[in-house]
N, C-alpha and C. Protein backbone atom coordinates (compact mmCIF):
# COMPACT_ATOMS: atom_id res chain seq x y z
N UNK A 1 3.27 0.46 -18.51
CA UNK A 1 3.77 1.76 -18.12
C UNK A 1 5.20 1.59 -17.61
N UNK A 2 6.10 2.42 -18.07
CA UNK A 2 7.50 2.32 -17.66
C UNK A 2 7.72 2.97 -16.30
N UNK A 3 8.83 2.60 -15.68
CA UNK A 3 9.21 3.21 -14.40
C UNK A 3 9.35 4.71 -14.56
N UNK A 4 9.95 5.16 -15.67
CA UNK A 4 10.13 6.59 -15.90
C UNK A 4 8.78 7.30 -15.98
N UNK A 5 7.81 6.69 -16.64
CA UNK A 5 6.48 7.29 -16.73
C UNK A 5 5.82 7.36 -15.36
N UNK A 6 6.02 6.33 -14.55
CA UNK A 6 5.47 6.34 -13.19
C UNK A 6 6.12 7.46 -12.38
N UNK A 7 7.44 7.60 -12.48
CA UNK A 7 8.15 8.66 -11.75
C UNK A 7 7.62 10.03 -12.15
N UNK A 8 7.40 10.22 -13.44
CA UNK A 8 6.89 11.51 -13.91
C UNK A 8 5.48 11.76 -13.40
N UNK A 9 4.66 10.72 -13.35
CA UNK A 9 3.30 10.87 -12.84
C UNK A 9 3.32 11.18 -11.35
N UNK A 10 4.18 10.51 -10.61
CA UNK A 10 4.29 10.76 -9.16
C UNK A 10 4.75 12.19 -8.90
N UNK A 11 5.66 12.69 -9.72
CA UNK A 11 6.16 14.06 -9.57
C UNK A 11 5.01 15.07 -9.69
N UNK A 12 4.00 14.75 -10.47
CA UNK A 12 2.88 15.65 -10.68
C UNK A 12 1.88 15.66 -9.52
N UNK A 13 1.97 14.67 -8.64
CA UNK A 13 1.07 14.61 -7.49
C UNK A 13 1.43 15.68 -6.46
N UNK A 14 0.44 16.11 -5.68
CA UNK A 14 0.75 17.03 -4.59
C UNK A 14 1.40 16.24 -3.45
N UNK A 15 1.95 16.94 -2.49
CA UNK A 15 2.71 16.29 -1.42
C UNK A 15 1.85 15.30 -0.62
N UNK A 16 0.62 15.63 -0.39
CA UNK A 16 -0.27 14.73 0.34
C UNK A 16 -0.47 13.43 -0.43
N UNK A 17 -0.67 13.54 -1.72
CA UNK A 17 -0.85 12.34 -2.56
C UNK A 17 0.44 11.53 -2.63
N UNK A 18 1.58 12.21 -2.70
CA UNK A 18 2.87 11.51 -2.71
C UNK A 18 3.07 10.76 -1.40
N UNK A 19 2.70 11.38 -0.28
CA UNK A 19 2.82 10.73 1.02
C UNK A 19 1.92 9.51 1.10
N UNK A 20 0.71 9.63 0.58
CA UNK A 20 -0.21 8.49 0.57
C UNK A 20 0.35 7.35 -0.27
N UNK A 21 0.93 7.69 -1.42
CA UNK A 21 1.54 6.68 -2.27
C UNK A 21 2.74 6.03 -1.58
N UNK A 22 3.54 6.84 -0.90
CA UNK A 22 4.70 6.31 -0.17
C UNK A 22 4.24 5.32 0.89
N UNK A 23 3.21 5.68 1.62
CA UNK A 23 2.68 4.79 2.65
C UNK A 23 2.22 3.47 2.01
N UNK A 24 1.52 3.57 0.89
CA UNK A 24 1.05 2.38 0.18
C UNK A 24 2.23 1.50 -0.23
N UNK A 25 3.28 2.11 -0.76
CA UNK A 25 4.44 1.35 -1.22
C UNK A 25 5.15 0.65 -0.06
N UNK A 26 5.28 1.34 1.06
CA UNK A 26 5.91 0.72 2.24
C UNK A 26 5.08 -0.47 2.70
N UNK A 27 3.77 -0.30 2.77
CA UNK A 27 2.90 -1.40 3.17
C UNK A 27 2.99 -2.55 2.17
N UNK A 28 3.06 -2.24 0.90
CA UNK A 28 3.18 -3.27 -0.13
C UNK A 28 4.47 -4.06 0.04
N UNK A 29 5.56 -3.37 0.27
CA UNK A 29 6.84 -4.04 0.45
C UNK A 29 6.89 -4.85 1.75
N UNK A 30 6.19 -4.38 2.77
CA UNK A 30 6.21 -5.05 4.06
C UNK A 30 5.37 -6.32 4.06
N UNK A 31 4.46 -6.43 3.12
CA UNK A 31 3.61 -7.62 3.07
C UNK A 31 4.23 -8.69 2.18
N UNK A 32 3.76 -9.88 2.33
CA UNK A 32 4.21 -10.94 1.44
C UNK A 32 5.49 -11.61 1.89
N UNK A 33 6.23 -12.10 0.93
CA UNK A 33 7.41 -12.92 1.20
C UNK A 33 8.71 -12.15 1.12
N UNK A 34 8.69 -10.87 1.40
CA UNK A 34 9.90 -10.06 1.34
C UNK A 34 10.86 -10.51 2.43
N UNK A 35 12.09 -10.80 2.07
CA UNK A 35 13.08 -11.30 3.02
C UNK A 35 14.33 -10.42 2.96
N UNK A 36 14.75 -9.91 4.10
CA UNK A 36 15.99 -9.14 4.17
C UNK A 36 17.19 -10.07 4.13
N UNK A 37 18.26 -9.60 3.51
CA UNK A 37 19.50 -10.37 3.52
C UNK A 37 20.09 -10.33 4.93
N UNK A 38 20.99 -11.25 5.22
CA UNK A 38 21.64 -11.28 6.53
C UNK A 38 22.43 -10.00 6.77
N UNK A 39 23.02 -9.45 5.70
CA UNK A 39 23.79 -8.21 5.83
C UNK A 39 22.89 -7.06 6.26
N UNK A 40 21.68 -6.95 5.66
CA UNK A 40 20.77 -5.88 6.03
C UNK A 40 20.24 -6.09 7.45
N UNK A 41 19.98 -7.33 7.82
CA UNK A 41 19.53 -7.60 9.20
C UNK A 41 20.59 -7.13 10.20
N UNK A 42 21.85 -7.44 9.91
CA UNK A 42 22.95 -7.03 10.80
C UNK A 42 23.05 -5.51 10.85
N UNK A 43 22.89 -4.85 9.70
CA UNK A 43 22.95 -3.38 9.66
C UNK A 43 21.82 -2.77 10.47
N UNK A 44 20.62 -3.30 10.33
CA UNK A 44 19.49 -2.78 11.09
C UNK A 44 19.68 -3.01 12.59
N UNK A 45 20.23 -4.16 12.96
CA UNK A 45 20.53 -4.41 14.37
C UNK A 45 21.55 -3.41 14.89
N UNK A 46 22.58 -3.12 14.09
CA UNK A 46 23.62 -2.15 14.47
C UNK A 46 23.00 -0.76 14.67
N UNK A 47 22.14 -0.36 13.74
CA UNK A 47 21.50 0.95 13.84
C UNK A 47 20.57 1.04 15.05
N UNK A 48 19.83 -0.03 15.32
CA UNK A 48 18.94 -0.04 16.48
C UNK A 48 19.74 0.09 17.77
N UNK A 49 20.87 -0.63 17.85
CA UNK A 49 21.72 -0.55 19.03
C UNK A 49 22.27 0.86 19.21
N UNK A 50 22.67 1.51 18.12
CA UNK A 50 23.19 2.88 18.20
C UNK A 50 22.10 3.84 18.68
N UNK A 51 20.87 3.64 18.24
CA UNK A 51 19.77 4.48 18.71
C UNK A 51 19.53 4.29 20.20
N UNK A 52 19.56 3.04 20.64
CA UNK A 52 19.33 2.74 22.05
C UNK A 52 20.44 3.31 22.94
N UNK A 53 21.68 3.31 22.44
CA UNK A 53 22.82 3.84 23.20
C UNK A 53 22.91 5.35 23.13
N UNK A 54 22.19 5.96 22.18
CA UNK A 54 22.25 7.40 21.99
C UNK A 54 23.47 7.84 21.20
N UNK A 55 24.10 6.92 20.49
CA UNK A 55 25.29 7.27 19.72
C UNK A 55 24.99 7.50 18.24
N UNK A 56 23.75 7.33 17.85
CA UNK A 56 23.36 7.53 16.46
C UNK A 56 23.22 9.03 16.18
N UNK A 57 23.70 9.45 15.04
CA UNK A 57 23.56 10.85 14.64
C UNK A 57 22.37 10.96 13.69
N UNK A 58 21.33 11.60 14.17
CA UNK A 58 20.14 11.76 13.35
C UNK A 58 20.21 13.03 12.50
N UNK A 59 19.45 13.01 11.44
CA UNK A 59 19.34 14.18 10.57
C UNK A 59 17.85 14.42 10.31
N UNK A 60 17.50 15.66 10.14
CA UNK A 60 16.11 15.98 9.83
C UNK A 60 15.81 15.56 8.40
N UNK A 61 14.53 15.38 8.13
CA UNK A 61 14.13 15.04 6.76
C UNK A 61 14.59 16.11 5.78
N UNK A 62 14.51 17.37 6.19
CA UNK A 62 14.93 18.46 5.30
C UNK A 62 16.42 18.38 4.97
N UNK A 63 17.25 18.01 5.93
CA UNK A 63 18.68 17.86 5.67
C UNK A 63 18.95 16.75 4.66
N UNK A 64 18.25 15.65 4.82
CA UNK A 64 18.43 14.52 3.90
C UNK A 64 17.95 14.89 2.50
N UNK A 65 16.80 15.52 2.41
CA UNK A 65 16.26 15.92 1.11
C UNK A 65 17.19 16.90 0.42
N UNK A 66 17.69 17.88 1.14
CA UNK A 66 18.60 18.86 0.56
C UNK A 66 19.88 18.22 0.06
N UNK A 67 20.38 17.22 0.79
CA UNK A 67 21.59 16.51 0.37
C UNK A 67 21.39 15.89 -1.01
N UNK A 68 20.24 15.26 -1.22
CA UNK A 68 20.00 14.57 -2.48
C UNK A 68 19.58 15.53 -3.60
N UNK A 69 19.00 16.65 -3.24
CA UNK A 69 18.68 17.66 -4.27
C UNK A 69 19.95 18.32 -4.79
N UNK A 70 20.97 18.38 -3.95
CA UNK A 70 22.23 19.04 -4.32
C UNK A 70 23.04 18.21 -5.30
N UNK A 71 22.70 16.96 -5.47
CA UNK A 71 23.46 16.08 -6.38
C UNK A 71 23.32 16.47 -7.80
């Protein structure tokens, strides 16, 4: 099955099923030998520090989704 076929199948799922699949994918990626690059580790540390200092600008999920739908 191609990636495009999987994307089309996922599009046909209802939101609850898509959320369940998303959770599964995150868990799948989090398990095993997945290793972040040093650059990503530094970026995540920077973002965590900004959250702790209160200097991070958050956006709602709807804002992020709308941004990408507008493309």
